[in-house]
Amino acid sequence: MHKKYVELFRELTRATAVAAEQVMDYDKAKNDDKGFETAKTMRDDFEALHEKLAAESFDGNLTKAEYAKLLVGCYVTVGNLQDRIQALQKAIAGYQSDLIPKLDAIITAENDEDAQAIAEERFQIKEEE
């Protein structure tokens, strides 16, 4: 196995172990003992695989079960990346549809007084009844 793939798999196992630990924290806060134990097992498995990949004695050979764990890690990582992308897209949409038009209207005002009036009008949050 090429060293670049070993590096990639080490990062993947580290990231998946961290994600599992975050799930452990969440499950602990929700008093979900079964979920906590499942996430703990996952974390421990990925940490062990990470250690194997990081060992100087690693010969480049993995078992089919270890490759299956790497596949699970890929799915977890892709899911986390998709969640982040969705959050970023939502933030971008907010900037484009809300803040940028409001700020543009302010800076295109005739003078500071008009700019302040526009700001007062545009930067209000209407309370729901």
N, C-alpha and C. Protein backbone atom coordinates (compact mmCIF):
# COMPACT_ATOMS: atom_id res chain seq x y z
N MET A 1 0.85 -1.17 0.00
CA MET A 1 0.00 0.00 0.00
C MET A 1 0.90 1.23 0.00
N HIS A 2 0.60 2.15 -0.87
CA HIS A 2 1.39 3.37 -0.99
C HIS A 2 1.26 4.20 0.28
N LYS A 3 2.33 4.88 0.64
CA LYS A 3 2.34 5.65 1.90
C LYS A 3 1.30 6.76 1.92
N LYS A 4 0.92 7.29 0.75
CA LYS A 4 -0.12 8.32 0.72
C LYS A 4 -1.47 7.76 1.17
N TYR A 5 -1.74 6.51 0.80
CA TYR A 5 -2.98 5.89 1.25
C TYR A 5 -2.92 5.59 2.74
N VAL A 6 -1.76 5.18 3.22
CA VAL A 6 -1.60 4.95 4.65
C VAL A 6 -1.87 6.25 5.40
N GLU A 7 -1.32 7.36 4.93
CA GLU A 7 -1.55 8.66 5.56
C GLU A 7 -3.03 9.03 5.52
N LEU A 8 -3.64 8.82 4.36
CA LEU A 8 -5.07 9.12 4.22
C LEU A 8 -5.89 8.29 5.20
N PHE A 9 -5.60 7.00 5.27
CA PHE A 9 -6.35 6.12 6.17
C PHE A 9 -6.09 6.47 7.64
N ARG A 10 -4.89 6.91 7.96
CA ARG A 10 -4.62 7.34 9.34
C ARG A 10 -5.48 8.55 9.68
N GLU A 11 -5.54 9.52 8.77
CA GLU A 11 -6.38 10.70 9.01
C GLU A 11 -7.85 10.32 9.09
N LEU A 12 -8.27 9.42 8.24
CA LEU A 12 -9.66 8.97 8.24
C LEU A 12 -10.01 8.29 9.56
N THR A 13 -9.13 7.43 10.05
CA THR A 13 -9.42 6.74 11.31
C THR A 13 -9.39 7.71 12.48
N ARG A 14 -8.50 8.68 12.44
CA ARG A 14 -8.45 9.68 13.51
C ARG A 14 -9.73 10.50 13.51
N ALA A 15 -10.14 10.97 12.33
CA ALA A 15 -11.35 11.80 12.23
C ALA A 15 -12.59 11.01 12.65
N THR A 16 -12.65 9.75 12.28
CA THR A 16 -13.81 8.95 12.64
C THR A 16 -13.84 8.67 14.14
N ALA A 17 -12.68 8.45 14.74
CA ALA A 17 -12.62 8.26 16.19
C ALA A 17 -13.10 9.52 16.91
N VAL A 18 -12.69 10.68 16.41
CA VAL A 18 -13.13 11.95 17.00
C VAL A 18 -14.64 12.11 16.85
N ALA A 19 -15.17 11.78 15.68
CA ALA A 19 -16.61 11.88 15.46
C ALA A 19 -17.36 10.95 16.41
N ALA A 20 -16.84 9.75 16.59
CA ALA A 20 -17.48 8.80 17.51
C ALA A 20 -17.45 9.33 18.94
N GLU A 21 -16.36 9.98 19.30
CA GLU A 21 -16.27 10.55 20.64
C GLU A 21 -17.27 11.68 20.84
N GLN A 22 -17.51 12.45 19.80
CA GLN A 22 -18.53 13.50 19.88
C GLN A 22 -19.92 12.90 20.07
N VAL A 23 -20.16 11.78 19.40
CA VAL A 23 -21.43 11.08 19.58
C VAL A 23 -21.53 10.54 21.00
N MET A 24 -20.42 10.06 21.54
CA MET A 24 -20.41 9.60 22.93
C MET A 24 -20.83 10.72 23.87
N ASP A 25 -20.27 11.91 23.67
CA ASP A 25 -20.62 13.05 24.51
C ASP A 25 -22.11 13.38 24.39
N TYR A 26 -22.61 13.35 23.17
CA TYR A 26 -24.02 13.64 22.94
C TYR A 26 -24.90 12.59 23.63
N ASP A 27 -24.55 11.32 23.43
CA ASP A 27 -25.34 10.25 24.03
C ASP A 27 -25.29 10.30 25.56
N LYS A 28 -24.15 10.65 26.10
CA LYS A 28 -24.02 10.76 27.55
C LYS A 28 -24.93 11.86 28.08
N ALA A 29 -24.94 13.00 27.37
CA ALA A 29 -25.79 14.11 27.78
C ALA A 29 -27.27 13.75 27.69
N LYS A 30 -27.62 12.87 26.78
CA LYS A 30 -29.02 12.45 26.59
C LYS A 30 -29.35 11.19 27.40
N ASN A 31 -28.39 10.72 28.21
CA ASN A 31 -28.57 9.51 29.01
C ASN A 31 -28.92 8.29 28.15
N ASP A 32 -28.33 8.24 26.97
CA ASP A 32 -28.54 7.11 26.06
C ASP A 32 -27.38 6.14 26.23
N ASP A 33 -27.53 5.22 27.17
CA ASP A 33 -26.44 4.29 27.49
C ASP A 33 -26.09 3.37 26.32
N LYS A 34 -27.09 2.89 25.61
CA LYS A 34 -26.84 1.99 24.47
C LYS A 34 -26.09 2.74 23.37
N GLY A 35 -26.54 3.94 23.05
CA GLY A 35 -25.86 4.75 22.04
C GLY A 35 -24.45 5.08 22.45
N PHE A 36 -24.27 5.39 23.74
CA PHE A 36 -22.94 5.69 24.26
C PHE A 36 -22.00 4.50 24.07
N GLU A 37 -22.46 3.32 24.43
CA GLU A 37 -21.62 2.12 24.31
C GLU A 37 -21.29 1.81 22.85
N THR A 38 -22.26 2.00 21.97
CA THR A 38 -22.02 1.78 20.54
C THR A 38 -20.97 2.75 20.02
N ALA A 39 -21.11 4.01 20.38
CA ALA A 39 -20.14 5.02 19.93
C ALA A 39 -18.77 4.77 20.55
N LYS A 40 -18.73 4.31 21.78
CA LYS A 40 -17.46 4.02 22.45
C LYS A 40 -16.74 2.87 21.74
N THR A 41 -17.48 1.84 21.39
CA THR A 41 -16.90 0.72 20.65
C THR A 41 -16.33 1.20 19.31
N MET A 42 -17.09 2.04 18.64
CA MET A 42 -16.64 2.58 17.36
C MET A 42 -15.37 3.40 17.55
N ARG A 43 -15.37 4.26 18.55
CA ARG A 43 -14.18 5.07 18.82
C ARG A 43 -12.97 4.19 19.09
N ASP A 44 -13.15 3.19 19.96
CA ASP A 44 -12.05 2.30 20.31
C ASP A 44 -11.53 1.53 19.09
N ASP A 45 -12.46 1.06 18.25
CA ASP A 45 -12.06 0.33 17.04
C ASP A 45 -11.25 1.22 16.10
N PHE A 46 -11.69 2.45 15.92
CA PHE A 46 -10.98 3.34 15.00
C PHE A 46 -9.65 3.81 15.59
N GLU A 47 -9.59 3.98 16.89
CA GLU A 47 -8.30 4.32 17.51
C GLU A 47 -7.31 3.18 17.35
N ALA A 48 -7.78 1.94 17.53
CA ALA A 48 -6.91 0.78 17.35
C ALA A 48 -6.42 0.67 15.92
N LEU A 49 -7.30 0.90 14.97
CA LEU A 49 -6.89 0.84 13.56
C LEU A 49 -5.92 1.97 13.25
N HIS A 50 -6.15 3.13 13.83
CA HIS A 50 -5.23 4.25 13.65
C HIS A 50 -3.84 3.88 14.17
N GLU A 51 -3.78 3.29 15.33
CA GLU A 51 -2.49 2.89 15.90
C GLU A 51 -1.79 1.87 15.01
N LYS A 52 -2.54 0.94 14.46
CA LYS A 52 -1.95 -0.06 13.56
C LYS A 52 -1.35 0.62 12.34
N LEU A 53 -2.11 1.55 11.76
CA LEU A 53 -1.63 2.25 10.56
C LEU A 53 -0.42 3.15 10.86
N ALA A 54 -0.34 3.65 12.08
CA ALA A 54 0.74 4.56 12.46
C ALA A 54 2.00 3.83 12.92
N ALA A 55 1.88 2.56 13.19
CA ALA A 55 3.03 1.80 13.71
C ALA A 55 4.12 1.66 12.64
N GLU A 56 5.35 1.79 13.08
CA GLU A 56 6.48 1.61 12.15
C GLU A 56 6.51 0.21 11.57
N SER A 57 5.96 -0.74 12.29
CA SER A 57 5.95 -2.13 11.84
C SER A 57 4.82 -2.44 10.86
N PHE A 58 3.96 -1.44 10.57
CA PHE A 58 2.84 -1.70 9.65
C PHE A 58 3.37 -2.10 8.29
N ASP A 59 2.93 -3.26 7.81
CA ASP A 59 3.44 -3.81 6.56
C ASP A 59 2.55 -3.52 5.35
N GLY A 60 1.52 -2.73 5.54
CA GLY A 60 0.65 -2.37 4.43
C GLY A 60 -0.51 -3.32 4.23
N ASN A 61 -0.62 -4.34 5.06
CA ASN A 61 -1.70 -5.32 4.92
C ASN A 61 -2.79 -5.07 5.95
N LEU A 62 -4.01 -5.08 5.47
CA LEU A 62 -5.18 -4.96 6.33
C LEU A 62 -6.11 -6.13 6.07
N THR A 63 -6.92 -6.44 7.05
CA THR A 63 -7.91 -7.50 6.87
C THR A 63 -9.14 -6.92 6.15
N LYS A 64 -9.96 -7.82 5.67
CA LYS A 64 -11.20 -7.38 5.03
C LYS A 64 -12.06 -6.61 6.03
N ALA A 65 -12.09 -7.04 7.29
CA ALA A 65 -12.85 -6.34 8.32
C ALA A 65 -12.31 -4.93 8.54
N GLU A 66 -11.00 -4.76 8.47
CA GLU A 66 -10.41 -3.43 8.64
C GLU A 66 -10.74 -2.53 7.45
N TYR A 67 -10.75 -3.11 6.25
CA TYR A 67 -11.19 -2.32 5.10
C TYR A 67 -12.65 -1.92 5.24
N ALA A 68 -13.46 -2.81 5.82
CA ALA A 68 -14.87 -2.48 6.06
C ALA A 68 -14.98 -1.30 7.03
N LYS A 69 -14.13 -1.27 8.05
CA LYS A 69 -14.13 -0.14 8.98
C LYS A 69 -13.74 1.15 8.26
N LEU A 70 -12.78 1.06 7.36
CA LEU A 70 -12.40 2.25 6.58
C LEU A 70 -13.58 2.74 5.73
N LEU A 71 -14.34 1.80 5.19
CA LEU A 71 -15.52 2.19 4.41
C LEU A 71 -16.54 2.90 5.29
N VAL A 72 -16.76 2.37 6.50
CA VAL A 72 -17.66 3.04 7.44
C VAL A 72 -17.13 4.44 7.74
N GLY A 73 -15.83 4.56 7.95
CA GLY A 73 -15.21 5.86 8.21
C GLY A 73 -15.45 6.83 7.06
N CYS A 74 -15.38 6.32 5.85
CA CYS A 74 -15.66 7.17 4.68
C CYS A 74 -17.09 7.67 4.70
N TYR A 75 -18.03 6.78 5.00
CA TYR A 75 -19.43 7.19 5.07
C TYR A 75 -19.65 8.24 6.15
N VAL A 76 -19.04 8.04 7.31
CA VAL A 76 -19.18 9.00 8.41
C VAL A 76 -18.60 10.35 7.98
N THR A 77 -17.43 10.33 7.38
CA THR A 77 -16.77 11.57 6.97
C THR A 77 -17.57 12.30 5.90
N VAL A 78 -18.07 11.56 4.92
CA VAL A 78 -18.88 12.18 3.87
C VAL A 78 -20.14 12.80 4.47
N GLY A 79 -20.79 12.09 5.40
CA GLY A 79 -21.98 12.65 6.05
C GLY A 79 -21.67 13.93 6.80
N ASN A 80 -20.55 13.93 7.53
CA ASN A 80 -20.16 15.14 8.25
C ASN A 80 -19.84 16.29 7.30
N LEU A 81 -19.17 15.99 6.21
CA LEU A 81 -18.85 17.03 5.22
C LEU A 81 -20.12 17.58 4.58
N GLN A 82 -21.06 16.70 4.28
CA GLN A 82 -22.32 17.17 3.69
C GLN A 82 -23.08 18.07 4.66
N ASP A 83 -23.07 17.71 5.95
CA ASP A 83 -23.73 18.56 6.94
C ASP A 83 -23.08 19.93 7.00
N ARG A 84 -21.75 19.96 6.96
CA ARG A 84 -21.03 21.25 6.99
C ARG A 84 -21.33 22.06 5.74
N ILE A 85 -21.37 21.40 4.58
CA ILE A 85 -21.67 22.10 3.33
C ILE A 85 -23.06 22.71 3.40
N GLN A 86 -24.03 21.97 3.91
CA GLN A 86 -25.39 22.51 4.02
C GLN A 86 -25.43 23.71 4.95
N ALA A 87 -24.71 23.64 6.05
CA ALA A 87 -24.68 24.78 6.98
C ALA A 87 -24.03 25.99 6.32
N LEU A 88 -22.95 25.76 5.58
CA LEU A 88 -22.29 26.87 4.88
C LEU A 88 -23.18 27.45 3.78
N GLN A 89 -23.89 26.59 3.06
CA GLN A 89 -24.79 27.07 2.02
C GLN A 89 -25.91 27.92 2.62
N LYS A 90 -26.39 27.50 3.78
CA LYS A 90 -27.44 28.28 4.47
C LYS A 90 -26.89 29.64 4.89
N ALA A 91 -25.66 29.67 5.40
CA ALA A 91 -25.05 30.93 5.79
C ALA A 91 -24.85 31.84 4.57
N ILE A 92 -24.37 31.28 3.48
CA ILE A 92 -24.17 32.05 2.25
C ILE A 92 -25.49 32.63 1.77
N ALA A 93 -26.53 31.81 1.77
CA ALA A 93 -27.84 32.29 1.32
C ALA A 93 -28.33 33.44 2.20
N GLY A 94 -28.07 33.34 3.50
CA GLY A 94 -28.47 34.42 4.40
C GLY A 94 -27.74 35.71 4.09
N TYR A 95 -26.44 35.61 3.85
CA TYR A 95 -25.68 36.81 3.49
C TYR A 95 -26.20 37.40 2.19
N GLN A 96 -26.41 36.53 1.18
CA GLN A 96 -26.81 37.02 -0.13
C GLN A 96 -28.23 37.59 -0.16
N SER A 97 -29.13 36.99 0.60
CA SER A 97 -30.52 37.43 0.51
C SER A 97 -30.90 38.46 1.57
N ASP A 98 -30.10 38.59 2.62
CA ASP A 98 -30.47 39.48 3.71
C ASP A 98 -29.44 40.59 3.92
N LEU A 99 -28.26 40.23 4.37
CA LEU A 99 -27.29 41.26 4.77
C LEU A 99 -26.74 42.08 3.61
N ILE A 100 -26.35 41.43 2.53
CA ILE A 100 -25.75 42.18 1.42
C ILE A 100 -26.72 43.20 0.84
N PRO A 101 -27.98 42.84 0.55
CA PRO A 101 -28.90 43.86 0.03
C PRO A 101 -29.14 45.02 1.01
N LYS A 102 -29.23 44.70 2.30
CA LYS A 102 -29.46 45.76 3.28
C LYS A 102 -28.25 46.70 3.36
N LEU A 103 -27.07 46.13 3.44
CA LEU A 103 -25.87 46.96 3.51
C LEU A 103 -25.65 47.74 2.22
N ASP A 104 -25.97 47.13 1.09
CA ASP A 104 -25.85 47.83 -0.19
C ASP A 104 -26.78 49.03 -0.23
N ALA A 105 -28.00 48.87 0.27
CA ALA A 105 -28.94 49.99 0.30
C ALA A 105 -28.42 51.11 1.18
N ILE A 106 -27.77 50.76 2.26
CA ILE A 106 -27.24 51.77 3.17
C ILE A 106 -26.09 52.55 2.52
N ILE A 107 -25.17 51.83 1.90
CA ILE A 107 -24.01 52.53 1.35
C ILE A 107 -24.33 53.31 0.09
N THR A 108 -25.46 53.04 -0.55
CA THR A 108 -25.84 53.80 -1.74
C THR A 108 -26.76 54.98 -1.39
N ALA A 109 -26.99 55.18 -0.10
CA ALA A 109 -27.81 56.31 0.34
C ALA A 109 -27.09 57.62 0.00
N GLU A 110 -27.88 58.67 -0.11
CA GLU A 110 -27.35 59.99 -0.48
C GLU A 110 -26.36 60.54 0.55
N ASN A 111 -26.65 60.31 1.83
CA ASN A 111 -25.80 60.88 2.89
C ASN A 111 -25.90 60.02 4.14
N ASP A 112 -25.14 60.40 5.17
CA ASP A 112 -25.12 59.62 6.41
C ASP A 112 -26.47 59.59 7.10
N GLU A 113 -27.20 60.68 7.01
CA GLU A 113 -28.51 60.75 7.65
C GLU A 113 -29.48 59.74 7.01
N ASP A 114 -29.49 59.72 5.68
CA ASP A 114 -30.34 58.75 4.96
C ASP A 114 -29.87 57.32 5.24
N ALA A 115 -28.55 57.13 5.28
CA ALA A 115 -28.00 55.81 5.56
C ALA A 115 -28.46 55.31 6.93
N GLN A 116 -28.43 56.21 7.92
CA GLN A 116 -28.87 55.84 9.27
C GLN A 116 -30.35 55.49 9.29
N ALA A 117 -31.15 56.24 8.55
CA ALA A 117 -32.59 55.97 8.49
C ALA A 117 -32.85 54.60 7.85
N ILE A 118 -32.13 54.31 6.79
CA ILE A 118 -32.28 53.00 6.14
C ILE A 118 -31.85 51.88 7.10
N ALA A 119 -30.74 52.11 7.80
CA ALA A 119 -30.25 51.11 8.74
C ALA A 119 -31.28 50.85 9.83
N GLU A 120 -31.87 51.92 10.36
CA GLU A 120 -32.88 51.77 11.41
C GLU A 120 -34.08 50.97 10.90
N GLU A 121 -34.44 51.21 9.66
CA GLU A 121 -35.59 50.51 9.07
C GLU A 121 -35.26 49.05 8.75
N ARG A 122 -34.11 48.81 8.15
CA ARG A 122 -33.78 47.47 7.66
C ARG A 122 -33.28 46.50 8.73
N PHE A 123 -32.69 47.03 9.78
CA PHE A 123 -32.12 46.15 10.80
C PHE A 123 -33.05 45.98 12.00
N GLN A 124 -34.30 45.67 11.70
CA GLN A 124 -35.29 45.39 12.72
C GLN A 124 -35.67 43.91 12.62
N ILE A 125 -35.98 43.34 13.76
CA ILE A 125 -36.48 41.97 13.78
C ILE A 125 -37.90 42.04 14.31
N LYS A 126 -38.82 41.57 13.50
CA LYS A 126 -40.23 41.61 13.88
C LYS A 126 -40.52 40.45 14.79
N GLU A 127 -41.06 40.76 15.93
CA GLU A 127 -41.41 39.72 16.91
C GLU A 127 -42.69 39.01 16.45
N GLU A 128 -42.70 37.70 16.64
CA GLU A 128 -43.89 36.93 16.30
C GLU A 128 -44.92 37.11 17.41
N GLU A 129 -46.17 37.18 17.01
CA GLU A 129 -47.24 37.36 18.00
C GLU A 129 -47.67 36.04 18.54
